[in-house]
């Protein structure tokens, strides 16, 4: 069998593989052109409200289909959020030879949970909502315990970006 026949058979067999996306498709009403994103409320004590709100705005703008404002007046839809939980916990411990070193955490996980509603103005039910939208990141502190706060700050920045990216995808693509 020549190479063309093998490729043609593979394409024919691959086209009926049964894989499909699980999401329900884009849930954004075509009439939604302007979205209001007021400052997320923050009950975590970490002062993440401005950072997360800004990342959500940036992600919506990156999609290129919307005008995004911080107000809820004169908009077609709103994204309202509340950051309800921030948790940092050790998930890895030093592998050095001494028992003291093995009991020191060298890897941490941070988790952020939010309550979010994406609602068309005038509608009673949200287009999309979640009472526990959660995202997690991990970071190493290395051998210098003094770099803990710097590494945590870097991880929070990564977490904020990925949190917003996944949140907007979930809102707009119904995953």
N, C-alpha and C. Protein backbone atom coordinates (compact mmCIF):
# COMPACT_ATOMS: atom_id res chain seq x y z
N UNK A 1 0.85 -1.17 0.00
CA UNK A 1 0.00 0.00 0.00
C UNK A 1 0.90 1.24 0.00
N UNK A 2 0.57 2.19 -0.85
CA UNK A 2 1.43 3.37 -0.92
C UNK A 2 1.07 4.37 0.18
N UNK A 3 1.89 5.38 0.34
CA UNK A 3 1.75 6.37 1.41
C UNK A 3 0.44 7.15 1.31
N UNK A 4 0.02 7.49 0.10
CA UNK A 4 -1.23 8.24 -0.07
C UNK A 4 -2.43 7.42 0.42
N UNK A 5 -2.44 6.15 0.14
CA UNK A 5 -3.55 5.30 0.56
C UNK A 5 -3.59 5.19 2.09
N UNK A 6 -2.43 5.08 2.71
CA UNK A 6 -2.36 4.99 4.17
C UNK A 6 -2.87 6.28 4.80
N UNK A 7 -2.46 7.43 4.27
CA UNK A 7 -2.90 8.71 4.80
C UNK A 7 -4.40 8.87 4.61
N UNK A 8 -4.92 8.51 3.46
CA UNK A 8 -6.36 8.61 3.19
C UNK A 8 -7.15 7.73 4.15
N UNK A 9 -6.70 6.51 4.39
CA UNK A 9 -7.38 5.61 5.33
C UNK A 9 -7.35 6.18 6.75
N UNK A 10 -6.21 6.74 7.15
CA UNK A 10 -6.09 7.31 8.48
C UNK A 10 -7.04 8.50 8.65
N UNK A 11 -7.13 9.32 7.62
CA UNK A 11 -8.05 10.47 7.69
C UNK A 11 -9.50 10.01 7.77
N UNK A 12 -9.86 9.00 7.01
CA UNK A 12 -11.24 8.50 7.04
C UNK A 12 -11.57 7.88 8.40
N UNK A 13 -10.65 7.09 8.92
CA UNK A 13 -10.89 6.47 10.22
C UNK A 13 -10.90 7.49 11.34
N UNK A 14 -10.02 8.48 11.26
CA UNK A 14 -9.92 9.50 12.31
C UNK A 14 -11.12 10.43 12.35
N UNK A 15 -11.80 10.60 11.22
CA UNK A 15 -12.92 11.54 11.21
C UNK A 15 -14.13 11.02 11.96
N UNK A 16 -14.21 9.75 12.22
CA UNK A 16 -15.34 9.19 12.96
C UNK A 16 -14.94 8.68 14.32
N UNK A 17 -13.99 9.32 14.96
CA UNK A 17 -13.45 8.80 16.22
C UNK A 17 -14.38 8.99 17.41
N UNK A 18 -15.35 9.87 17.32
CA UNK A 18 -16.31 10.03 18.40
C UNK A 18 -15.91 11.06 19.44
N UNK A 19 -14.79 11.74 19.26
CA UNK A 19 -14.39 12.77 20.22
C UNK A 19 -15.17 14.04 19.93
N UNK A 20 -15.58 14.71 20.99
CA UNK A 20 -16.30 15.98 20.84
C UNK A 20 -16.05 16.83 22.06
N UNK A 21 -16.17 18.15 21.89
CA UNK A 21 -16.05 19.05 23.02
C UNK A 21 -17.27 18.89 23.91
N UNK A 22 -17.06 19.01 25.20
CA UNK A 22 -18.14 18.81 26.15
C UNK A 22 -18.96 20.07 26.35
N UNK A 23 -18.39 21.24 26.11
CA UNK A 23 -19.09 22.50 26.35
C UNK A 23 -20.34 22.64 25.50
N UNK A 24 -21.15 23.60 25.86
CA UNK A 24 -22.41 23.83 25.17
C UNK A 24 -22.27 24.84 24.05
N UNK A 25 -21.07 25.34 23.80
CA UNK A 25 -20.88 26.34 22.77
C UNK A 25 -20.88 27.73 23.38
N UNK A 26 -20.69 28.71 22.53
CA UNK A 26 -20.64 30.09 22.99
C UNK A 26 -22.01 30.50 23.50
N UNK A 27 -22.04 31.03 24.70
CA UNK A 27 -23.31 31.41 25.31
C UNK A 27 -23.53 32.91 25.28
N UNK A 28 -22.66 33.63 24.61
CA UNK A 28 -22.80 35.07 24.58
C UNK A 28 -23.82 35.47 23.53
N UNK A 29 -24.82 36.17 23.98
CA UNK A 29 -25.85 36.72 23.12
C UNK A 29 -25.18 37.72 22.18
N UNK A 30 -25.51 37.66 20.91
CA UNK A 30 -24.90 38.55 19.92
C UNK A 30 -25.20 40.01 20.21
N UNK A 31 -26.25 40.28 20.97
CA UNK A 31 -26.59 41.67 21.29
C UNK A 31 -25.71 42.24 22.40
N UNK A 32 -24.91 41.41 23.04
CA UNK A 32 -24.03 41.89 24.11
C UNK A 32 -22.76 42.45 23.47
N UNK A 33 -22.65 43.75 23.54
CA UNK A 33 -21.49 44.45 22.97
C UNK A 33 -20.67 45.15 24.05
N UNK A 34 -21.33 45.51 25.14
CA UNK A 34 -20.67 46.27 26.21
C UNK A 34 -20.91 45.55 27.54
N UNK A 35 -19.81 45.19 28.21
CA UNK A 35 -19.89 44.44 29.46
C UNK A 35 -19.34 45.29 30.60
N UNK A 36 -20.09 45.37 31.68
CA UNK A 36 -19.65 46.06 32.88
C UNK A 36 -19.01 45.08 33.85
N UNK A 37 -17.82 45.40 34.31
CA UNK A 37 -17.12 44.56 35.29
C UNK A 37 -16.74 45.44 36.47
N UNK A 38 -17.66 45.56 37.45
CA UNK A 38 -17.31 46.33 38.64
C UNK A 38 -16.25 45.59 39.45
N UNK A 39 -15.59 46.32 40.33
CA UNK A 39 -14.55 45.74 41.17
C UNK A 39 -15.09 44.54 41.94
N UNK A 40 -14.40 43.41 41.83
CA UNK A 40 -14.80 42.22 42.57
C UNK A 40 -14.70 42.53 44.06
N UNK A 41 -15.61 41.99 44.85
CA UNK A 41 -15.52 42.09 46.31
C UNK A 41 -14.47 41.09 46.76
N UNK A 42 -13.80 41.42 47.84
CA UNK A 42 -12.74 40.53 48.34
C UNK A 42 -12.91 40.30 49.83
N UNK A 43 -13.26 39.09 50.20
CA UNK A 43 -13.39 38.73 51.61
C UNK A 43 -12.25 37.81 52.05
N UNK A 44 -11.19 37.71 51.21
CA UNK A 44 -10.09 36.80 51.52
C UNK A 44 -9.05 37.40 52.45
N UNK A 45 -9.01 38.73 52.54
CA UNK A 45 -7.97 39.37 53.34
C UNK A 45 -6.65 39.51 52.61
N UNK A 46 -6.59 39.15 51.33
CA UNK A 46 -5.35 39.22 50.56
C UNK A 46 -5.30 40.42 49.61
N UNK A 47 -6.34 41.23 49.59
CA UNK A 47 -6.40 42.42 48.73
C UNK A 47 -6.15 42.06 47.26
N UNK A 48 -6.87 41.07 46.78
CA UNK A 48 -6.73 40.62 45.39
C UNK A 48 -7.79 41.20 44.46
N UNK A 49 -8.70 42.01 45.00
CA UNK A 49 -9.84 42.49 44.22
C UNK A 49 -9.43 43.25 42.96
N UNK A 50 -8.51 44.20 43.06
CA UNK A 50 -8.11 44.98 41.89
C UNK A 50 -7.37 44.13 40.88
N UNK A 51 -6.49 43.28 41.36
CA UNK A 51 -5.69 42.45 40.45
C UNK A 51 -6.59 41.49 39.66
N UNK A 52 -7.48 40.79 40.35
CA UNK A 52 -8.35 39.82 39.67
C UNK A 52 -9.30 40.53 38.72
N UNK A 53 -9.91 41.63 39.17
CA UNK A 53 -10.82 42.38 38.31
C UNK A 53 -10.09 42.84 37.05
N UNK A 54 -8.88 43.38 37.20
CA UNK A 54 -8.13 43.85 36.04
C UNK A 54 -7.81 42.71 35.08
N UNK A 55 -7.46 41.54 35.61
CA UNK A 55 -7.14 40.39 34.75
C UNK A 55 -8.39 39.92 34.00
N UNK A 56 -9.55 39.95 34.65
CA UNK A 56 -10.80 39.56 33.97
C UNK A 56 -11.11 40.56 32.85
N UNK A 57 -10.94 41.85 33.12
CA UNK A 57 -11.16 42.88 32.10
C UNK A 57 -10.21 42.66 30.92
N UNK A 58 -8.93 42.44 31.21
CA UNK A 58 -7.94 42.20 30.16
C UNK A 58 -8.31 40.99 29.32
N UNK A 59 -8.77 39.93 29.96
CA UNK A 59 -9.12 38.71 29.22
C UNK A 59 -10.35 38.94 28.34
N UNK A 60 -11.34 39.66 28.84
CA UNK A 60 -12.51 39.98 28.01
C UNK A 60 -12.09 40.84 26.82
N UNK A 61 -11.23 41.82 27.05
CA UNK A 61 -10.76 42.67 25.96
C UNK A 61 -9.93 41.87 24.95
N UNK A 62 -9.19 40.90 25.44
CA UNK A 62 -8.37 40.06 24.56
C UNK A 62 -9.23 39.28 23.58
N UNK A 63 -10.46 38.99 23.99
CA UNK A 63 -11.39 38.28 23.11
C UNK A 63 -11.82 39.14 21.93
N UNK A 64 -11.73 40.48 22.09
CA UNK A 64 -11.97 41.39 20.99
C UNK A 64 -13.41 41.61 20.56
N UNK A 65 -14.36 41.06 21.26
CA UNK A 65 -15.76 41.19 20.83
C UNK A 65 -16.52 42.20 21.67
N UNK A 66 -15.92 42.72 22.72
CA UNK A 66 -16.66 43.53 23.67
C UNK A 66 -15.95 44.83 23.98
N UNK A 67 -16.75 45.80 24.36
CA UNK A 67 -16.24 46.97 25.04
C UNK A 67 -16.43 46.65 26.52
N UNK A 68 -15.42 46.84 27.32
CA UNK A 68 -15.49 46.49 28.73
C UNK A 68 -15.28 47.75 29.56
N UNK A 69 -16.19 47.98 30.50
CA UNK A 69 -16.13 49.15 31.36
C UNK A 69 -16.26 48.72 32.82
N UNK A 70 -15.91 49.62 33.73
CA UNK A 70 -15.98 49.28 35.15
C UNK A 70 -17.34 49.64 35.75
N UNK A 71 -18.20 50.22 34.97
CA UNK A 71 -19.51 50.67 35.45
C UNK A 71 -20.58 49.64 35.08
N UNK A 72 -21.72 49.71 35.74
CA UNK A 72 -22.84 48.82 35.40
C UNK A 72 -23.97 49.58 34.72
N UNK A 73 -23.74 50.85 34.42
CA UNK A 73 -24.75 51.68 33.74
C UNK A 73 -24.43 51.72 32.25
N UNK A 74 -25.46 51.55 31.44
CA UNK A 74 -25.27 51.63 30.00
C UNK A 74 -24.57 50.43 29.40
N UNK A 75 -24.68 49.29 30.05
CA UNK A 75 -24.05 48.06 29.54
C UNK A 75 -25.12 47.05 29.15
N UNK A 76 -24.70 46.07 28.39
CA UNK A 76 -25.61 45.00 27.97
C UNK A 76 -25.57 43.82 28.94
N UNK A 77 -24.44 43.66 29.63
CA UNK A 77 -24.28 42.55 30.58
C UNK A 77 -23.27 42.95 31.65
N UNK A 78 -23.30 42.23 32.76
CA UNK A 78 -22.35 42.50 33.84
C UNK A 78 -21.69 41.21 34.29
N UNK A 79 -20.48 41.36 34.77
CA UNK A 79 -19.76 40.26 35.42
C UNK A 79 -19.49 40.74 36.84
N UNK A 80 -20.14 40.12 37.81
CA UNK A 80 -19.96 40.50 39.20
C UNK A 80 -19.35 39.32 39.96
N UNK A 81 -18.34 39.64 40.75
CA UNK A 81 -17.65 38.57 41.44
C UNK A 81 -17.31 38.92 42.87
N UNK A 82 -17.14 37.87 43.65
CA UNK A 82 -16.70 38.00 45.03
C UNK A 82 -15.64 36.93 45.29
N UNK A 83 -14.46 37.36 45.70
CA UNK A 83 -13.39 36.43 46.05
C UNK A 83 -13.67 35.96 47.47
N UNK A 84 -13.98 34.68 47.62
CA UNK A 84 -14.46 34.19 48.91
C UNK A 84 -13.43 33.39 49.70
N UNK A 85 -12.39 32.88 49.02
CA UNK A 85 -11.41 32.10 49.76
C UNK A 85 -10.06 32.13 49.06
N UNK A 86 -9.01 32.36 49.84
CA UNK A 86 -7.63 32.26 49.38
C UNK A 86 -6.94 31.35 50.39
N UNK A 87 -6.26 30.34 49.88
CA UNK A 87 -5.61 29.40 50.78
C UNK A 87 -4.20 29.11 50.27
N UNK A 88 -3.25 29.13 51.17
CA UNK A 88 -1.87 28.76 50.85
C UNK A 88 -1.49 27.64 51.80
N UNK A 89 -1.05 26.53 51.24
CA UNK A 89 -0.68 25.40 52.11
C UNK A 89 0.51 24.65 51.55
N UNK A 90 1.34 24.11 52.44
CA UNK A 90 2.50 23.35 51.97
C UNK A 90 2.06 22.03 51.33
N UNK A 91 2.71 21.71 50.21
CA UNK A 91 2.41 20.45 49.53
C UNK A 91 3.67 19.62 49.26
N UNK A 92 4.83 20.20 49.53
CA UNK A 92 6.07 19.47 49.33
C UNK A 92 7.05 19.80 50.44
N UNK A 93 7.85 18.81 50.80
CA UNK A 93 8.78 18.99 51.90
C UNK A 93 10.17 18.60 51.45
N UNK A 94 11.19 19.31 52.02
CA UNK A 94 12.58 19.13 51.63
C UNK A 94 13.01 17.68 51.64
N UNK A 95 13.86 17.36 50.69
CA UNK A 95 14.35 15.99 50.58
C UNK A 95 15.76 15.83 51.09
N UNK A 96 16.23 16.74 51.92
CA UNK A 96 17.60 16.66 52.44
C UNK A 96 17.71 15.48 53.41
N UNK A 97 18.92 15.18 53.78
CA UNK A 97 19.19 14.02 54.61
C UNK A 97 18.71 14.16 56.06
N UNK A 98 18.75 15.36 56.60
CA UNK A 98 18.38 15.50 58.01
C UNK A 98 16.87 15.52 58.18
N UNK A 99 16.40 15.08 59.33
CA UNK A 99 14.96 15.06 59.62
C UNK A 99 14.40 16.47 59.68
N UNK A 100 15.21 17.43 60.16
CA UNK A 100 14.74 18.82 60.22
C UNK A 100 14.45 19.36 58.84
N UNK A 101 15.32 19.09 57.87
CA UNK A 101 15.14 19.61 56.51
C UNK A 101 13.92 18.98 55.85
N UNK A 102 13.68 17.70 56.14
CA UNK A 102 12.52 17.03 55.53
C UNK A 102 11.20 17.55 56.10
N UNK A 103 11.25 18.17 57.27
CA UNK A 103 10.01 18.68 57.86
C UNK A 103 9.74 20.13 57.46
N UNK A 104 10.63 20.73 56.69
CA UNK A 104 10.45 22.11 56.22
C UNK A 104 9.78 22.08 54.84
N UNK A 105 8.73 22.86 54.70
CA UNK A 105 8.02 22.92 53.42
C UNK A 105 8.87 23.65 52.39
N UNK A 106 8.93 23.11 51.18
CA UNK A 106 9.66 23.77 50.10
C UNK A 106 8.78 23.97 48.86
N UNK A 107 7.54 23.53 48.93
CA UNK A 107 6.59 23.72 47.83
C UNK A 107 5.22 24.02 48.43
N UNK A 108 4.58 25.06 47.90
CA UNK A 108 3.27 25.49 48.39
C UNK A 108 2.26 25.49 47.25
N UNK A 109 1.01 25.29 47.62
CA UNK A 109 -0.11 25.42 46.68
C UNK A 109 -0.96 26.58 47.15
N UNK A 110 -1.38 27.41 46.19
CA UNK A 110 -2.32 28.48 46.51
C UNK A 110 -3.60 28.23 45.73
N UNK A 111 -4.71 28.48 46.39
CA UNK A 111 -6.01 28.24 45.78
C UNK A 111 -6.87 29.48 45.98
N UNK A 112 -7.56 29.89 44.92
CA UNK A 112 -8.46 31.03 44.98
C UNK A 112 -9.85 30.57 44.54
N UNK A 113 -10.85 30.90 45.35
CA UNK A 113 -12.23 30.53 45.04
C UNK A 113 -13.07 31.80 44.99
N UNK A 114 -13.95 31.87 43.98
CA UNK A 114 -14.79 33.05 43.81
C UNK A 114 -16.22 32.66 43.51
N UNK A 115 -17.10 33.58 43.80
CA UNK A 115 -18.52 33.49 43.43
C UNK A 115 -18.70 34.49 42.30
N UNK A 116 -19.15 34.04 41.12
CA UNK A 116 -19.22 34.90 39.95
C UNK A 116 -20.56 34.74 39.24
N UNK A 117 -21.11 35.86 38.77
CA UNK A 117 -22.35 35.87 37.97
C UNK A 117 -22.14 36.71 36.72
N UNK A 118 -22.45 36.13 35.58
CA UNK A 118 -22.41 36.82 34.29
C UNK A 118 -23.86 36.93 33.84
N UNK A 119 -24.40 38.15 33.83
CA UNK A 119 -25.83 38.35 33.64
C UNK A 119 -26.10 39.39 32.57
N UNK A 120 -27.05 39.09 31.71
CA UNK A 120 -27.51 40.09 30.74
C UNK A 120 -28.42 41.06 31.48
N UNK A 121 -28.24 42.35 31.23
CA UNK A 121 -29.04 43.37 31.90
C UNK A 121 -30.52 43.13 31.59
N UNK A 122 -31.33 43.13 32.64
CA UNK A 122 -32.76 42.92 32.50
C UNK A 122 -33.20 41.48 32.63
N UNK A 123 -32.26 40.54 32.59
CA UNK A 123 -32.60 39.11 32.71
C UNK A 123 -32.68 38.73 34.19
N UNK A 124 -33.55 37.79 34.49
CA UNK A 124 -33.66 37.33 35.87
C UNK A 124 -32.66 36.24 36.20
N UNK A 125 -32.32 35.43 35.23
CA UNK A 125 -31.35 34.35 35.42
C UNK A 125 -30.02 34.73 34.77
N UNK A 126 -28.91 34.39 35.40
CA UNK A 126 -27.61 34.69 34.79
C UNK A 126 -27.37 33.83 33.55
N UNK A 127 -26.55 34.34 32.67
CA UNK A 127 -26.11 33.56 31.51
C UNK A 127 -25.22 32.43 32.01
N UNK A 128 -24.37 32.75 32.99
CA UNK A 128 -23.47 31.77 33.59
C UNK A 128 -23.20 32.22 35.02
N UNK A 129 -23.09 31.26 35.92
CA UNK A 129 -22.73 31.59 37.30
C UNK A 129 -22.05 30.40 37.96
N UNK A 130 -21.28 30.72 38.98
CA UNK A 130 -20.64 29.69 39.79
C UNK A 130 -20.48 30.25 41.20
N UNK A 131 -20.87 29.45 42.17
CA UNK A 131 -20.68 29.83 43.57
C UNK A 131 -19.32 29.41 44.10
N UNK A 132 -18.60 28.61 43.34
CA UNK A 132 -17.29 28.15 43.81
C UNK A 132 -16.33 27.93 42.64
N UNK A 133 -16.09 28.98 41.88
CA UNK A 133 -15.12 28.90 40.79
C UNK A 133 -13.73 28.92 41.41
N UNK A 134 -12.97 27.86 41.22
CA UNK A 134 -11.71 27.68 41.92
C UNK A 134 -10.57 27.47 40.94
N UNK A 135 -9.43 28.06 41.26
CA UNK A 135 -8.22 27.82 40.48
C UNK A 135 -7.05 27.69 41.44
N UNK A 136 -6.05 26.88 41.06
CA UNK A 136 -4.94 26.54 41.94
C UNK A 136 -3.61 26.67 41.20
N UNK A 137 -2.58 27.07 41.91
CA UNK A 137 -1.23 27.12 41.37
C UNK A 137 -0.28 26.64 42.46
N UNK A 138 0.92 26.24 42.07
CA UNK A 138 1.93 25.80 43.04
C UNK A 138 3.23 26.54 42.77
N UNK A 139 4.03 26.65 43.81
CA UNK A 139 5.34 27.27 43.64
C UNK A 139 6.32 26.69 44.64
N UNK A 140 7.60 26.71 44.25
CA UNK A 140 8.69 26.27 45.11
C UNK A 140 9.28 27.49 45.80
N UNK A 141 9.68 27.32 47.06
CA UNK A 141 10.37 28.43 47.71
C UNK A 141 11.87 28.25 47.66
N UNK A 142 12.32 27.09 47.27
CA UNK A 142 13.75 26.86 47.16
C UNK A 142 14.42 26.78 48.51
N UNK A 143 15.73 26.94 48.51
CA UNK A 143 16.48 26.81 49.76
C UNK A 143 16.52 28.10 50.56
N UNK A 144 16.12 29.23 49.95
CA UNK A 144 16.15 30.52 50.63
C UNK A 144 14.76 30.86 51.15
N UNK A 145 14.53 30.65 52.43
CA UNK A 145 13.22 30.93 53.02
C UNK A 145 12.86 32.41 52.91
N UNK A 146 13.86 33.28 52.77
CA UNK A 146 13.61 34.71 52.62
C UNK A 146 12.91 35.06 51.32
N UNK A 147 12.95 34.16 50.35
CA UNK A 147 12.30 34.42 49.05
C UNK A 147 10.84 33.95 49.04
N UNK A 148 10.34 33.49 50.18
CA UNK A 148 8.98 32.96 50.25
C UNK A 148 7.94 33.96 49.74
N UNK A 149 7.98 35.20 50.24
CA UNK A 149 6.98 36.19 49.84
C UNK A 149 7.11 36.57 48.37
N UNK A 150 8.35 36.66 47.86
CA UNK A 150 8.55 36.96 46.45
C UNK A 150 7.98 35.85 45.58
N UNK A 151 8.25 34.62 45.94
CA UNK A 151 7.74 33.49 45.17
C UNK A 151 6.22 33.40 45.24
N UNK A 152 5.67 33.70 46.43
CA UNK A 152 4.22 33.69 46.56
C UNK A 152 3.62 34.78 45.66
N UNK A 153 4.24 35.95 45.63
CA UNK A 153 3.74 37.04 44.80
C UNK A 153 3.78 36.66 43.32
N UNK A 154 4.83 36.00 42.88
CA UNK A 154 4.92 35.54 41.49
C UNK A 154 3.83 34.51 41.20
N UNK A 155 3.59 33.62 42.15
CA UNK A 155 2.55 32.61 41.97
C UNK A 155 1.17 33.25 41.94
N UNK A 156 0.95 34.27 42.75
CA UNK A 156 -0.35 34.98 42.73
C UNK A 156 -0.55 35.65 41.37
N UNK A 157 0.50 36.20 40.80
CA UNK A 157 0.38 36.83 39.48
C UNK A 157 0.00 35.78 38.42
N UNK A 158 0.68 34.63 38.44
CA UNK A 158 0.33 33.54 37.51
C UNK A 158 -1.10 33.07 37.74
N UNK A 159 -1.43 32.87 39.01
CA UNK A 159 -2.77 32.41 39.37
C UNK A 159 -3.83 33.39 38.88
N UNK A 160 -3.60 34.69 39.05
CA UNK A 160 -4.56 35.71 38.64
C UNK A 160 -4.81 35.66 37.14
N UNK A 161 -3.74 35.54 36.37
CA UNK A 161 -3.86 35.47 34.92
C UNK A 161 -4.62 34.22 34.49
N UNK A 162 -4.23 33.08 35.03
CA UNK A 162 -4.89 31.82 34.65
C UNK A 162 -6.32 31.75 35.18
N UNK A 163 -6.55 32.27 36.36
CA UNK A 163 -7.89 32.32 36.93
C UNK A 163 -8.81 33.09 35.98
N UNK A 164 -8.38 34.30 35.57
CA UNK A 164 -9.19 35.13 34.67
C UNK A 164 -9.39 34.44 33.32
N UNK A 165 -8.35 33.85 32.77
CA UNK A 165 -8.45 33.17 31.47
C UNK A 165 -9.47 32.03 31.54
N UNK A 166 -9.40 31.23 32.59
CA UNK A 166 -10.33 30.11 32.73
C UNK A 166 -11.75 30.59 33.06
N UNK A 167 -11.85 31.64 33.85
CA UNK A 167 -13.17 32.18 34.18
C UNK A 167 -13.88 32.70 32.94
N UNK A 168 -13.19 33.49 32.13
CA UNK A 168 -13.80 34.04 30.92
C UNK A 168 -14.15 32.92 29.94
N UNK A 169 -13.29 31.93 29.83
CA UNK A 169 -13.60 30.79 28.97
C UNK A 169 -14.85 30.08 29.45
N UNK A 170 -14.96 29.87 30.75
CA UNK A 170 -16.14 29.19 31.30
C UNK A 170 -17.40 30.02 31.06
N UNK A 171 -17.30 31.33 31.24
CA UNK A 171 -18.46 32.21 31.05
C UNK A 171 -18.91 32.23 29.60
N UNK A 172 -17.97 32.36 28.68
CA UNK A 172 -18.32 32.55 27.28
C UNK A 172 -18.51 31.27 26.49
N UNK A 173 -17.92 30.18 26.99
CA UNK A 173 -17.98 28.93 26.24
C UNK A 173 -18.78 27.85 26.95
N UNK A 174 -19.38 28.20 28.07
CA UNK A 174 -20.29 27.31 28.81
C UNK A 174 -19.64 26.02 29.26
N UNK A 175 -18.38 26.07 29.67
CA UNK A 175 -17.75 24.87 30.22
C UNK A 175 -17.91 24.86 31.71
